[in-house]
PDB file of N, CA and C in Angstrom:
ATOM      1  N   MET A   1     -50.402 -98.934 123.828  1.00  0.00           N
ATOM      2  CA  MET A   1     -48.999 -99.074 123.571  1.00  0.00           C
ATOM      3  C   MET A   1     -48.190 -98.124 124.467  1.00  0.00           C
ATOM      4  N   ILE A   2     -48.732 -96.937 124.672  1.00  0.00           N
ATOM      5  CA  ILE A   2     -48.036 -95.987 125.545  1.00  0.00           C
ATOM      6  C   ILE A   2     -48.027 -96.511 126.977  1.00  0.00           C
ATOM      7  N   ALA A   3     -49.149 -97.083 127.392  1.00  0.00           N
ATOM      8  CA  ALA A   3     -49.222 -97.637 128.746  1.00  0.00           C
ATOM      9  C   ALA A   3     -48.250 -98.797 128.912  1.00  0.00           C
ATOM     10  N   LEU A   4     -48.128 -99.628 127.893  1.00  0.00           N
ATOM     11  CA  LEU A   4     -47.197-100.753 127.947  1.00  0.00           C
ATOM     12  C   LEU A   4     -45.763-100.241 128.079  1.00  0.00           C
ATOM     13  N   GLY A   5     -45.403 -99.254 127.276  1.00  0.00           N
ATOM     14  CA  GLY A   5     -44.054 -98.692 127.354  1.00  0.00           C
ATOM     15  C   GLY A   5     -43.792 -98.002 128.685  1.00  0.00           C
ATOM     16  N   ALA A   6     -44.784 -97.254 129.162  1.00  0.00           N
ATOM     17  CA  ALA A   6     -44.609 -96.549 130.435  1.00  0.00           C
ATOM     18  C   ALA A   6     -44.476 -97.523 131.594  1.00  0.00           C
ATOM     19  N   SER A   7     -45.321 -98.560 131.620  1.00  0.00           N
ATOM     20  CA  SER A   7     -45.227 -99.537 132.709  1.00  0.00           C
ATOM     21  C   SER A   7     -43.903-100.287 132.653  1.00  0.00           C
ATOM     22  N   ASP A   8     -43.441-100.595 131.470  1.00  0.00           N
ATOM     23  CA  ASP A   8     -42.154-101.275 131.336  1.00  0.00           C
ATOM     24  C   ASP A   8     -41.029-100.383 131.842  1.00  0.00           C
ATOM     25  N   PHE A   9     -41.055 -99.117 131.499  1.00  0.00           N
ATOM     26  CA  PHE A   9     -40.005 -98.203 131.939  1.00  0.00           C
ATOM     27  C   PHE A   9     -40.024 -98.011 133.457  1.00  0.00           C
ATOM     28  N   LEU A  10     -41.239 -97.878 134.022  1.00  0.00           N
ATOM     29  CA  LEU A  10     -41.349 -97.620 135.461  1.00  0.00           C
ATOM     30  C   LEU A  10     -41.082 -98.855 136.299  1.00  0.00           C
ATOM     31  N   ILE A  11     -41.412-100.036 135.778  1.00  0.00           N
ATOM     32  CA  ILE A  11     -41.307-101.245 136.593  1.00  0.00           C
ATOM     33  C   ILE A  11     -39.963-101.949 136.416  1.00  0.00           C
ATOM     34  N   SER A  12     -39.580-102.225 135.155  1.00  0.00           N
ATOM     35  CA  SER A  12     -38.413-103.089 134.981  1.00  0.00           C
ATOM     36  C   SER A  12     -37.180-102.393 134.425  1.00  0.00           C
ATOM     37  N   LYS A  13     -37.336-101.317 133.733  1.00  0.00           N
ATOM     38  CA  LYS A  13     -36.234-100.573 133.118  1.00  0.00           C
ATOM     39  C   LYS A  13     -35.421-101.415 132.136  1.00  0.00           C
ATOM     40  N   SER A  14     -36.005-102.469 131.585  1.00  0.00           N
ATOM     41  CA  SER A  14     -35.261-103.320 130.657  1.00  0.00           C
ATOM     42  C   SER A  14     -35.671-103.117 129.203  1.00  0.00           C
ATOM     43  N   TRP A  15     -36.729-102.386 128.956  1.00  0.00           N
ATOM     44  CA  TRP A  15     -37.214-102.065 127.623  1.00  0.00           C
ATOM     45  C   TRP A  15     -37.635-103.298 126.821  1.00  0.00           C
ATOM     46  N   TRP A  16     -38.184-104.302 127.477  1.00  0.00           N
ATOM     47  CA  TRP A  16     -38.671-105.473 126.755  1.00  0.00           C
ATOM     48  C   TRP A  16     -39.881-105.140 125.908  1.00  0.00           C
ATOM     49  N   SER A  17     -40.597-104.072 126.232  1.00  0.00           N
ATOM     50  CA  SER A  17     -41.832-103.731 125.511  1.00  0.00           C
ATOM     51  C   SER A  17     -41.562-103.183 124.113  1.00  0.00           C
ATOM     52  N   VAL A  18     -40.317-102.931 123.788  1.00  0.00           N
ATOM     53  CA  VAL A  18     -40.000-102.424 122.453  1.00  0.00           C
ATOM     54  C   VAL A  18     -40.411-103.435 121.394  1.00  0.00           C
ATOM     55  N   TRP A  19     -40.222-104.722 121.652  1.00  0.00           N
ATOM     56  CA  TRP A  19     -40.507-105.752 120.646  1.00  0.00           C
ATOM     57  C   TRP A  19     -41.994-105.905 120.359  1.00  0.00           C
ATOM     58  N   PRO A  20     -42.875-105.967 121.378  1.00  0.00           N
ATOM     59  CA  PRO A  20     -44.311-106.004 121.047  1.00  0.00           C
ATOM     60  C   PRO A  20     -44.789-104.735 120.342  1.00  0.00           C
ATOM     61  N   ILE A  21     -44.249-103.592 120.743  1.00  0.00           N
ATOM     62  CA  ILE A  21     -44.643-102.338 120.097  1.00  0.00           C
ATOM     63  C   ILE A  21     -44.164-102.326 118.652  1.00  0.00           C
ATOM     64  N   ALA A  22     -42.943-102.784 118.410  1.00  0.00           N
ATOM     65  CA  ALA A  22     -42.421-102.828 117.040  1.00  0.00           C
ATOM     66  C   ALA A  22     -43.235-103.802 116.188  1.00  0.00           C
ATOM     67  N   LEU A  23     -43.565-104.956 116.729  1.00  0.00           N
ATOM     68  CA  LEU A  23     -44.371-105.929 115.985  1.00  0.00           C
ATOM     69  C   LEU A  23     -45.747-105.360 115.676  1.00  0.00           C
ATOM     70  N   TRP A  24     -46.381-104.729 116.640  1.00  0.00           N
ATOM     71  CA  TRP A  24     -47.690-104.131 116.424  1.00  0.00           C
ATOM     72  C   TRP A  24     -47.609-103.050 115.349  1.00  0.00           C
ATOM     73  N   SER A  25     -46.548-102.266 115.362  1.00  0.00           N
ATOM     74  CA  SER A  25     -46.383-101.205 114.366  1.00  0.00           C
ATOM     75  C   SER A  25     -46.250-101.771 112.959  1.00  0.00           C
ATOM     76  N   VAL A  26     -45.493-102.856 112.817  1.00  0.00           N
ATOM     77  CA  VAL A  26     -45.327-103.481 111.506  1.00  0.00           C
ATOM     78  C   VAL A  26     -46.652-104.052 111.014  1.00  0.00           C
ATOM     79  N   VAL A  27     -47.391-104.722 111.887  1.00  0.00           N
ATOM     80  CA  VAL A  27     -48.689-105.283 111.503  1.00  0.00           C
ATOM     81  C   VAL A  27     -49.668-104.174 111.146  1.00  0.00           C
ATOM     82  N   PHE A  28     -49.674-103.109 111.914  1.00  0.00           N
ATOM     83  CA  PHE A  28     -50.559-101.982 111.636  1.00  0.00           C
ATOM     84  C   PHE A  28     -50.217-101.334 110.295  1.00  0.00           C
ATOM     85  N   ALA A  29     -48.931-101.155 110.020  1.00  0.00           N
ATOM     86  CA  ALA A  29     -48.508-100.554 108.746  1.00  0.00           C
ATOM     87  C   ALA A  29     -48.896-101.455 107.576  1.00  0.00           C
ATOM     88  N   ALA A  30     -48.699-102.757 107.716  1.00  0.00           N
ATOM     89  CA  ALA A  30     -49.073-103.686 106.642  1.00  0.00           C
ATOM     90  C   ALA A  30     -50.576-103.619 106.381  1.00  0.00           C
ATOM     91  N   HIS A  31     -51.366-103.567 107.441  1.00  0.00           N
ATOM     92  CA  HIS A  31     -52.813-103.466 107.298  1.00  0.00           C
ATOM     93  C   HIS A  31     -53.194-102.157 106.589  1.00  0.00           C
ATOM     94  N   TYR A  32     -52.570-101.060 106.983  1.00  0.00           N
ATOM     95  CA  TYR A  32     -52.856 -99.760 106.368  1.00  0.00           C
ATOM     96  C   TYR A  32     -52.531 -99.781 104.880  1.00  0.00           C
ATOM     97  N   PHE A  33     -51.354-100.265 104.520  1.00  0.00           N
ATOM     98  CA  PHE A  33     -50.956-100.282 103.110  1.00  0.00           C
ATOM     99  C   PHE A  33     -51.844-101.213 102.289  1.00  0.00           C
ATOM    100  N   TYR A  34     -52.255-102.333 102.863  1.00  0.00           N
ATOM    101  CA  TYR A  34     -53.151-103.252 102.166  1.00  0.00           C
ATOM    102  C   TYR A  34     -54.491-102.575 101.895  1.00  0.00           C
ATOM    103  N   ARG A  35     -55.069-101.968 102.917  1.00  0.00           N
ATOM    104  CA  ARG A  35     -56.368-101.302 102.752  1.00  0.00           C
ATOM    105  C   ARG A  35     -56.269-100.125 101.781  1.00  0.00           C
ATOM    106  N   LYS A  36     -55.184 -99.362 101.845  1.00  0.00           N
ATOM    107  CA  LYS A  36     -55.008 -98.229 100.946  1.00  0.00           C
ATOM    108  C   LYS A  36     -54.870 -98.709  99.504  1.00  0.00           C
ATOM    109  N   ALA A  37     -54.134 -99.785  99.296  1.00  0.00           N
ATOM    110  CA  ALA A  37     -53.950-100.318  97.944  1.00  0.00           C
ATOM    111  C   ALA A  37     -55.257-100.861  97.388  1.00  0.00           C
ATOM    112  N   ARG A  38     -56.099-101.439  98.222  1.00  0.00           N
ATOM    113  CA  ARG A  38     -57.374-101.995  97.766  1.00  0.00           C
ATOM    114  C   ARG A  38     -58.390-100.898  97.448  1.00  0.00           C
ATOM    115  N   SER A  39     -58.220 -99.703  98.022  1.00  0.00           N
ATOM    116  CA  SER A  39     -59.212 -98.641  97.810  1.00  0.00           C
ATOM    117  C   SER A  39     -58.865 -97.744  96.626  1.00  0.00           C
ATOM    118  N   VAL A  40     -57.704 -97.930  96.022  1.00  0.00           N
ATOM    119  CA  VAL A  40     -57.290 -97.098  94.896  1.00  0.00           C
ATOM    120  C   VAL A  40     -57.879 -97.675  93.612  1.00  0.00           C
ATOM    121  N   ASP A  41     -58.513 -96.807  92.823  1.00  0.00           N
ATOM    122  CA  ASP A  41     -59.046 -97.234  91.537  1.00  0.00           C
ATOM    123  C   ASP A  41     -58.704 -96.173  90.490  1.00  0.00           C
ATOM    124  N   GLU A  42     -59.152 -96.382  89.281  1.00  0.00           N
ATOM    125  CA  GLU A  42     -58.820 -95.471  88.184  1.00  0.00           C
ATOM    126  C   GLU A  42     -59.338 -94.050  88.445  1.00  0.00           C
ATOM    127  N   GLY A  43     -60.524 -93.946  89.015  1.00  0.00           N
ATOM    128  CA  GLY A  43     -61.090 -92.633  89.318  1.00  0.00           C
ATOM    129  C   GLY A  43     -60.251 -91.875  90.331  1.00  0.00           C
ATOM    130  N   TRP A  44     -59.776 -92.586  91.367  1.00  0.00           N
ATOM    131  CA  TRP A  44     -58.934 -91.950  92.377  1.00  0.00           C
ATOM    132  C   TRP A  44     -57.632 -91.476  91.742  1.00  0.00           C
ATOM    133  N   ALA A  45     -57.041 -92.294  90.877  1.00  0.00           N
ATOM    134  CA  ALA A  45     -55.779 -91.936  90.240  1.00  0.00           C
ATOM    135  C   ALA A  45     -55.941 -90.697  89.360  1.00  0.00           C
ATOM    136  N   GLN A  46     -57.035 -90.632  88.603  1.00  0.00           N
ATOM    137  CA  GLN A  46     -57.268 -89.461  87.756  1.00  0.00           C
ATOM    138  C   GLN A  46     -57.505 -88.216  88.600  1.00  0.00           C
ATOM    139  N   GLU A  47     -58.257 -88.359  89.677  1.00  0.00           N
ATOM    140  CA  GLU A  47     -58.519 -87.220  90.560  1.00  0.00           C
ATOM    141  C   GLU A  47     -57.233 -86.734  91.215  1.00  0.00           C
ATOM    142  N   ARG A  48     -56.396 -87.664  91.638  1.00  0.00           N
ATOM    143  CA  ARG A  48     -55.123 -87.302  92.266  1.00  0.00           C
ATOM    144  C   ARG A  48     -54.188 -86.618  91.260  1.00  0.00           C
ATOM    145  N   ALA A  49     -54.139 -87.143  90.040  1.00  0.00           N
ATOM    146  CA  ALA A  49     -53.303 -86.527  89.001  1.00  0.00           C
ATOM    147  C   ALA A  49     -53.787 -85.119  88.682  1.00  0.00           C
ATOM    148  N   ALA A  50     -55.102 -84.933  88.589  1.00  0.00           N
ATOM    149  CA  ALA A  50     -55.650 -83.597  88.322  1.00  0.00           C
ATOM    150  C   ALA A  50     -55.345 -82.647  89.476  1.00  0.00           C
ATOM    151  N   ASP A  51     -55.418 -83.136  90.696  1.00  0.00           N
ATOM    152  CA  ASP A  51     -55.112 -82.316  91.867  1.00  0.00           C
ATOM    153  C   ASP A  51     -53.647 -81.881  91.851  1.00  0.00           C
ATOM    154  N   LEU A  52     -52.746 -82.813  91.592  1.00  0.00           N
ATOM    155  CA  LEU A  52     -51.331 -82.475  91.526  1.00  0.00           C
ATOM    156  C   LEU A  52     -51.040 -81.523  90.375  1.00  0.00           C
ATOM    157  N   HIS A  53     -51.712 -81.727  89.258  1.00  0.00           N
ATOM    158  CA  HIS A  53     -51.512 -80.862  88.092  1.00  0.00           C
ATOM    159  C   HIS A  53     -51.960 -79.438  88.408  1.00  0.00           C
ATOM    160  N   SER A  54     -53.080 -79.298  89.090  1.00  0.00           N
ATOM    161  CA  SER A  54     -53.585 -77.952  89.390  1.00  0.00           C
ATOM    162  C   SER A  54     -52.723 -77.227  90.415  1.00  0.00           C
ATOM    163  N   LYS A  55     -52.024 -77.968  91.265  1.00  0.00           N
ATOM    164  CA  LYS A  55     -51.190 -77.346  92.294  1.00  0.00           C
ATOM    165  C   LYS A  55     -49.748 -77.119  91.839  1.00  0.00           C
ATOM    166  N   SER A  56     -49.415 -77.605  90.664  1.00  0.00           N
ATOM    167  CA  SER A  56     -48.025 -77.494  90.227  1.00  0.00           C
ATOM    168  C   SER A  56     -47.711 -76.077  89.766  1.00  0.00           C
ATOM    169  N   TYR A  57     -46.457 -75.709  89.907  1.00  0.00           N
ATOM    170  CA  TYR A  57     -46.033 -74.359  89.517  1.00  0.00           C
ATOM    171  C   TYR A  57     -45.747 -74.264  88.028  1.00  0.00           C
ATOM    172  N   ASP A  58     -45.591 -75.398  87.361  1.00  0.00           N
ATOM    173  CA  ASP A  58     -45.281 -75.373  85.938  1.00  0.00           C
ATOM    174  C   ASP A  58     -46.357 -76.075  85.109  1.00  0.00           C
ATOM    175  N   ALA A  59     -47.602 -75.793  85.423  1.00  0.00           N
ATOM    176  CA  ALA A  59     -48.718 -76.451  84.730  1.00  0.00           C
ATOM    177  C   ALA A  59     -48.707 -76.148  83.239  1.00  0.00           C
ATOM    178  N   SER A  60     -48.326 -74.942  82.851  1.00  0.00           N
ATOM    179  CA  SER A  60     -48.310 -74.608  81.421  1.00  0.00           C
ATOM    180  C   SER A  60     -47.256 -75.431  80.688  1.00  0.00           C
ATOM    181  N   HIS A  61     -46.137 -75.705  81.351  1.00  0.00           N
ATOM    182  CA  HIS A  61     -45.108 -76.544  80.739  1.00  0.00           C
ATOM    183  C   HIS A  61     -45.628 -77.972  80.543  1.00  0.00           C
ATOM    184  N   MET A  62     -46.315 -78.487  81.557  1.00  0.00           N
ATOM    185  CA  MET A  62     -46.875 -79.842  81.442  1.00  0.00           C
ATOM    186  C   MET A  62     -47.951 -79.891  80.365  1.00  0.00           C
ATOM    187  N   ASP A  63     -48.751 -78.846  80.257  1.00  0.00           N
ATOM    188  CA  ASP A  63     -49.776 -78.802  79.212  1.00  0.00           C
ATOM    189  C   ASP A  63     -49.141 -78.816  77.820  1.00  0.00           C
ATOM    190  N   SER A  64     -48.012 -78.104  77.661  1.00  0.00           N
ATOM    191  CA  SER A  64     -47.361 -78.101  76.352  1.00  0.00           C
ATOM    192  C   SER A  64     -46.791 -79.472  76.018  1.00  0.00           C
ATOM    193  N   ILE A  65     -46.309 -80.193  77.013  1.00  0.00           N
ATOM    194  CA  ILE A  65     -45.816 -81.555  76.784  1.00  0.00           C
ATOM    195  C   ILE A  65     -46.963 -82.459  76.343  1.00  0.00           C
ATOM    196  N   VAL A  66     -48.107 -82.350  77.017  1.00  0.00           N
ATOM    197  CA  VAL A  66     -49.273 -83.161  76.651  1.00  0.00           C
ATOM    198  C   VAL A  66     -49.723 -82.842  75.232  1.00  0.00           C
ATOM    199  N   GLU A  67     -49.751 -81.571  74.878  1.00  0.00           N
ATOM    200  CA  GLU A  67     -50.160 -81.179  73.520  1.00  0.00           C
ATOM    201  C   GLU A  67     -49.201 -81.727  72.467  1.00  0.00           C
ATOM    202  N   ARG A  68     -47.896 -81.653  72.742  1.00  0.00           N
ATOM    203  CA  ARG A  68     -46.920 -82.187  71.784  1.00  0.00           C
ATOM    204  C   ARG A  68     -47.027 -83.701  71.677  1.00  0.00           C
ATOM    205  N   TYR A  69     -47.301 -84.362  72.802  1.00  0.00           N
ATOM    206  CA  TYR A  69     -47.444 -85.818  72.775  1.00  0.00           C
ATOM    207  C   TYR A  69     -48.688 -86.217  71.980  1.00  0.00           C
ATOM    208  N   ASP A  70     -49.776 -85.501  72.205  1.00  0.00           N
ATOM    209  CA  ASP A  70     -51.017 -85.795  71.477  1.00  0.00           C
ATOM    210  C   ASP A  70     -50.882 -85.496  69.992  1.00  0.00           C
ATOM    211  N   ALA A  71     -50.028 -84.561  69.615  1.00  0.00           N
ATOM    212  CA  ALA A  71     -49.859 -84.182  68.215  1.00  0.00           C
ATOM    213  C   ALA A  71     -48.953 -85.151  67.452  1.00  0.00           C
ATOM    214  N   LYS A  72     -48.206 -85.979  68.175  1.00  0.00           N
ATOM    215  CA  LYS A  72     -47.321 -86.927  67.508  1.00  0.00           C
ATOM    216  C   LYS A  72     -48.141 -87.963  66.755  1.00  0.00           C
ATOM    217  N   PRO A  73     -47.672 -88.381  65.583  1.00  0.00           N
ATOM    218  CA  PRO A  73     -48.391 -89.422  64.848  1.00  0.00           C
ATOM    219  C   PRO A  73     -48.321 -90.741  65.608  1.00  0.00           C
ATOM    220  N   GLN A  74     -49.420 -91.436  65.638  1.00  0.00           N
ATOM    221  CA  GLN A  74     -49.475 -92.714  66.334  1.00  0.00           C
ATOM    222  C   GLN A  74     -49.010 -93.819  65.396  1.00  0.00           C
ATOM    223  N   GLY A  75     -48.470 -94.856  65.963  1.00  0.00           N
ATOM    224  CA  GLY A  75     -47.999 -95.974  65.163  1.00  0.00           C
ATOM    225  C   GLY A  75     -46.493 -95.918  65.003  1.00  0.00           C
ATOM    226  N   PRO A  76     -45.954 -96.851  64.257  1.00  0.00           N
ATOM    227  CA  PRO A  76     -44.487 -96.886  64.096  1.00  0.00           C
ATOM    228  C   PRO A  76     -44.009 -95.696  63.285  1.00  0.00           C
ATOM    229  N   VAL A  77     -42.931 -95.134  63.698  1.00  0.00           N
ATOM    230  CA  VAL A  77     -42.336 -93.989  63.024  1.00  0.00           C
ATOM    231  C   VAL A  77     -41.138 -94.478  62.227  1.00  0.00           C
ATOM    232  N   GLU A  78     -41.152 -94.177  60.925  1.00  0.00           N
ATOM    233  CA  GLU A  78     -40.033 -94.579  60.088  1.00  0.00           C
ATOM    234  C   GLU A  78     -38.941 -93.541  60.172  1.00  0.00           C
ATOM    235  N   LYS A  79     -37.708 -94.018  60.259  1.00  0.00           N
ATOM    236  CA  LYS A  79     -36.573 -93.112  60.312  1.00  0.00           C
ATOM    237  C   LYS A  79     -36.226 -92.676  58.897  1.00  0.00           C
ATOM    238  N   PRO A  80     -35.871 -91.418  58.722  1.00  0.00           N
ATOM    239  CA  PRO A  80     -35.486 -90.958  57.385  1.00  0.00           C
ATOM    240  C   PRO A  80     -34.206 -91.636  56.924  1.00  0.00           C
ATOM    241  N   LYS A  81     -34.150 -91.940  55.651  1.00  0.00           N
ATOM    242  CA  LYS A  81     -32.953 -92.567  55.097  1.00  0.00           C
ATOM    243  C   LYS A  81     -31.904 -91.499  54.865  1.00  0.00           C
ATOM    244  N   SER A  82     -30.683 -91.811  55.258  1.00  0.00           N
ATOM    245  CA  SER A  82     -29.621 -90.836  55.069  1.00  0.00           C
ATOM    246  C   SER A  82     -28.863 -91.056  53.779  1.00  0.00           C
TER     247      SER A  82
END
């Protein structure tokens, strides 16, 4: 791609090579995102979440939120009658 751009600049100075380079970039990005999406699974998501959690500056705050969420009663919650 660099050679295509350089030859276009040195020979014609019209910048026609921008369009093939842009098209190639879009196709390459689509391929990358497709492959990345196909390789993600539940294990990767849990590992990534644990990694982000360990690097966060407020891990104790997040832990307290998880503890409060786990302590909440499961199922429908009835509102008190006023």
